[in-house]
Protein backbone atom coordinates (compact mmCIF):
# COMPACT_ATOMS: atom_id res chain seq x y z
CA ASN A 1 -4.01 37.50 -0.79
CA ASN A 2 -4.33 34.30 -2.85
CA SER A 3 -1.98 32.01 -0.90
CA SER A 4 -4.48 29.38 0.22
CA GLN A 5 -3.07 26.03 1.26
CA LEU A 6 -4.33 23.22 -0.96
CA SER A 7 -2.39 20.28 0.50
CA SER A 8 -4.52 17.79 2.42
CA LEU A 9 -3.86 17.26 6.13
CA PRO A 10 -6.03 14.08 6.30
CA LEU A 11 -4.06 12.69 3.34
CA GLN A 12 -0.74 13.55 5.02
CA ILE A 13 -1.85 11.82 8.24
CA LEU A 14 -2.97 8.79 6.22
CA PHE A 15 0.43 8.57 4.47
CA TYR A 16 2.09 8.52 7.90
CA VAL A 17 -0.31 5.90 9.31
CA ASN A 18 -0.03 3.77 6.15
CA GLY A 19 3.78 3.90 6.36
CA ILE A 20 3.71 2.63 9.95
CA TYR A 21 1.00 0.05 9.18
CA TYR A 22 2.86 -1.22 6.11
CA ILE A 23 5.96 -2.01 8.21
CA PHE A 24 3.73 -4.03 10.57
CA TYR A 25 1.92 -5.61 7.58
CA PHE A 26 5.20 -6.62 5.91
CA LEU A 27 6.70 -8.16 9.06
CA ALA A 28 3.46 -9.96 9.99
CA THR A 29 2.95 -11.31 6.46
CA LEU A 30 6.60 -12.40 6.23
CA ALA A 31 6.32 -14.16 9.62
CA MET A 32 3.12 -15.90 8.48
CA ILE A 33 4.72 -17.08 5.21
CA ILE A 34 7.63 -18.50 7.24
CA TYR A 35 5.14 -20.08 9.68
CA LYS A 36 3.07 -21.59 6.84
CA SER A 37 6.21 -22.96 5.16
CA GLN A 38 7.09 -24.80 8.42
CA VAL A 39 3.60 -25.99 9.45
CA PHE A 40 1.98 -26.82 6.10
CA SER A 41 3.38 -28.78 3.18
CA TYR A 42 4.35 -25.67 1.23
CA PRO A 43 5.50 -26.63 -2.29
CA ASP A 44 8.89 -25.00 -2.95
CA ASP A 45 7.77 -23.61 -6.29
CA PHE A 46 4.88 -21.80 -4.53
CA LEU A 47 6.96 -20.28 -1.72
CA ALA A 48 9.07 -18.14 -4.08
CA PRO A 49 6.15 -16.33 -5.82
CA ASP A 50 4.45 -15.56 -2.48
CA LEU A 51 7.69 -14.09 -1.11
CA ALA A 52 8.41 -12.28 -4.39
CA VAL A 53 4.99 -10.58 -4.30
CA LEU A 54 5.55 -9.45 -0.70
CA PHE A 55 9.02 -8.04 -1.45
CA LEU A 56 7.87 -6.40 -4.70
CA MET A 57 5.06 -4.78 -2.75
CA ALA A 58 7.58 -3.47 -0.16
CA ILE A 59 9.78 -2.05 -2.95
CA LEU A 60 6.72 -0.38 -4.50
CA GLU A 61 5.59 1.07 -1.15
CA VAL A 62 8.65 3.33 -0.78
CA PRO A 63 8.19 5.43 -3.97
CA ARG A 64 4.38 5.21 -3.57
CA LEU A 65 4.50 6.92 -0.16
CA TYR A 66 7.40 9.23 -1.04
CA LEU A 67 5.71 10.56 -4.20
CA GLY A 68 2.41 10.89 -2.36
CA VAL A 69 3.90 12.90 0.49
CA LYS A 70 5.99 15.03 -1.91
CA GLY A 71 3.04 15.67 -4.22
CA ASN A 72 0.73 16.59 -1.36
CA LEU A 73 3.19 18.89 0.42
CA THR A 74 4.35 20.68 -2.74
CA GLU A 75 0.78 20.74 -4.11
CA ALA A 76 1.98 19.09 -7.32
CA GLU A 77 -0.41 16.81 -9.16
CA ALA A 78 2.26 14.82 -11.11
CA PRO A 79 3.93 13.05 -8.14
CA LEU A 80 0.52 12.53 -6.52
CA GLY A 81 -0.76 11.02 -9.79
CA LEU A 82 2.28 8.73 -9.99
CA SER A 83 1.66 7.68 -6.40
CA LEU A 84 -1.95 6.91 -7.33
CA GLY A 85 -0.71 4.77 -10.23
CA LEU A 86 1.65 2.86 -7.92
CA THR A 87 -1.28 2.35 -5.52
CA VAL A 88 -3.07 0.44 -8.30
CA GLY A 89 -0.07 -1.91 -8.49
CA SER A 90 -0.04 -2.28 -4.70
CA VAL A 91 -3.76 -3.11 -4.70
CA VAL A 92 -3.19 -5.89 -7.27
CA LEU A 93 -0.34 -7.37 -5.19
CA CYS A 94 -2.46 -7.07 -2.03
CA LEU A 95 -5.31 -8.90 -3.78
CA TYR A 96 -2.86 -11.66 -4.75
CA LEU A 97 -1.89 -12.09 -1.09
CA LEU A 98 -5.56 -11.99 -0.06
CA LEU A 99 -6.97 -14.35 -2.70
CA TRP A 100 -4.29 -16.35 -4.52
CA GLN A 101 -1.31 -17.01 -2.26
CA THR A 102 -0.75 -20.70 -1.47
CA TYR A 103 -2.31 -20.63 2.02
CA VAL A 104 -4.57 -17.81 3.21
CA LEU A 105 -5.10 -17.66 6.97
CA TRP A 106 -7.74 -15.53 8.74
CA ALA A 107 -4.91 -13.19 9.80
CA ASP A 108 -4.01 -12.72 6.11
CA VAL A 109 -7.62 -11.76 5.42
CA VAL A 110 -7.65 -9.19 8.25
CA LEU A 111 -4.24 -7.68 7.37
CA ASN A 112 -5.06 -7.43 3.66
CA ALA A 113 -8.59 -6.09 4.22
CA LEU A 114 -7.16 -3.31 6.42
CA LEU A 115 -4.49 -2.49 3.84
CA LEU A 116 -7.04 -2.44 0.99
CA SER A 117 -9.29 -0.15 3.03
CA ALA A 118 -6.37 2.22 3.67
CA TYR A 119 -5.46 2.18 -0.04
CA GLY A 120 -9.07 2.95 -0.95
CA LEU A 121 -9.34 5.86 1.49
CA GLU A 122 -5.94 7.19 0.46
CA SER A 123 -6.85 6.97 -3.25
CA GLY A 124 -10.05 8.92 -2.70
CA LEU A 125 -8.15 11.64 -0.85
CA LYS A 126 -5.45 11.69 -3.58
CA VAL A 127 -8.05 12.21 -6.30
CA THR A 128 -9.64 15.03 -4.23
CA ALA A 129 -6.22 16.66 -3.67
CA ILE A 130 -5.28 16.38 -7.36
CA ALA A 131 -8.59 18.01 -8.29
CA ALA A 132 -7.86 20.85 -5.83
CA PHE A 133 -4.33 21.35 -7.22
CA VAL A 134 -5.50 21.37 -10.85
CA GLY A 135 -8.55 23.54 -10.16
């Protein structure tokens, strides 16, 4: 019988944890941007790009996680590969919020470092799963 299961349980758990963490990340980052706009002299033309990056990241997170979960559970490399591609975009946006947003607080560093670590671990597991599906 050649019906071995190739989908990755650690990857599936990580998708779930990342989904929960991202909700926390989004709300915490949004609250900090609002806080920074009240406490610091936040130039109006800098507030919009910081918020735009956060919202773009949130929009990207939905198909990124959906395609990842779908690809893993159906053992299909295409959706998992697309999810991996979207992760690259998420990493770039995360790096913006870590390095180039108008004000970076220590809490921003912690939140973004955790998210980048999760993206890195998830990407490694995605590549391993894709290799298993193809092979």
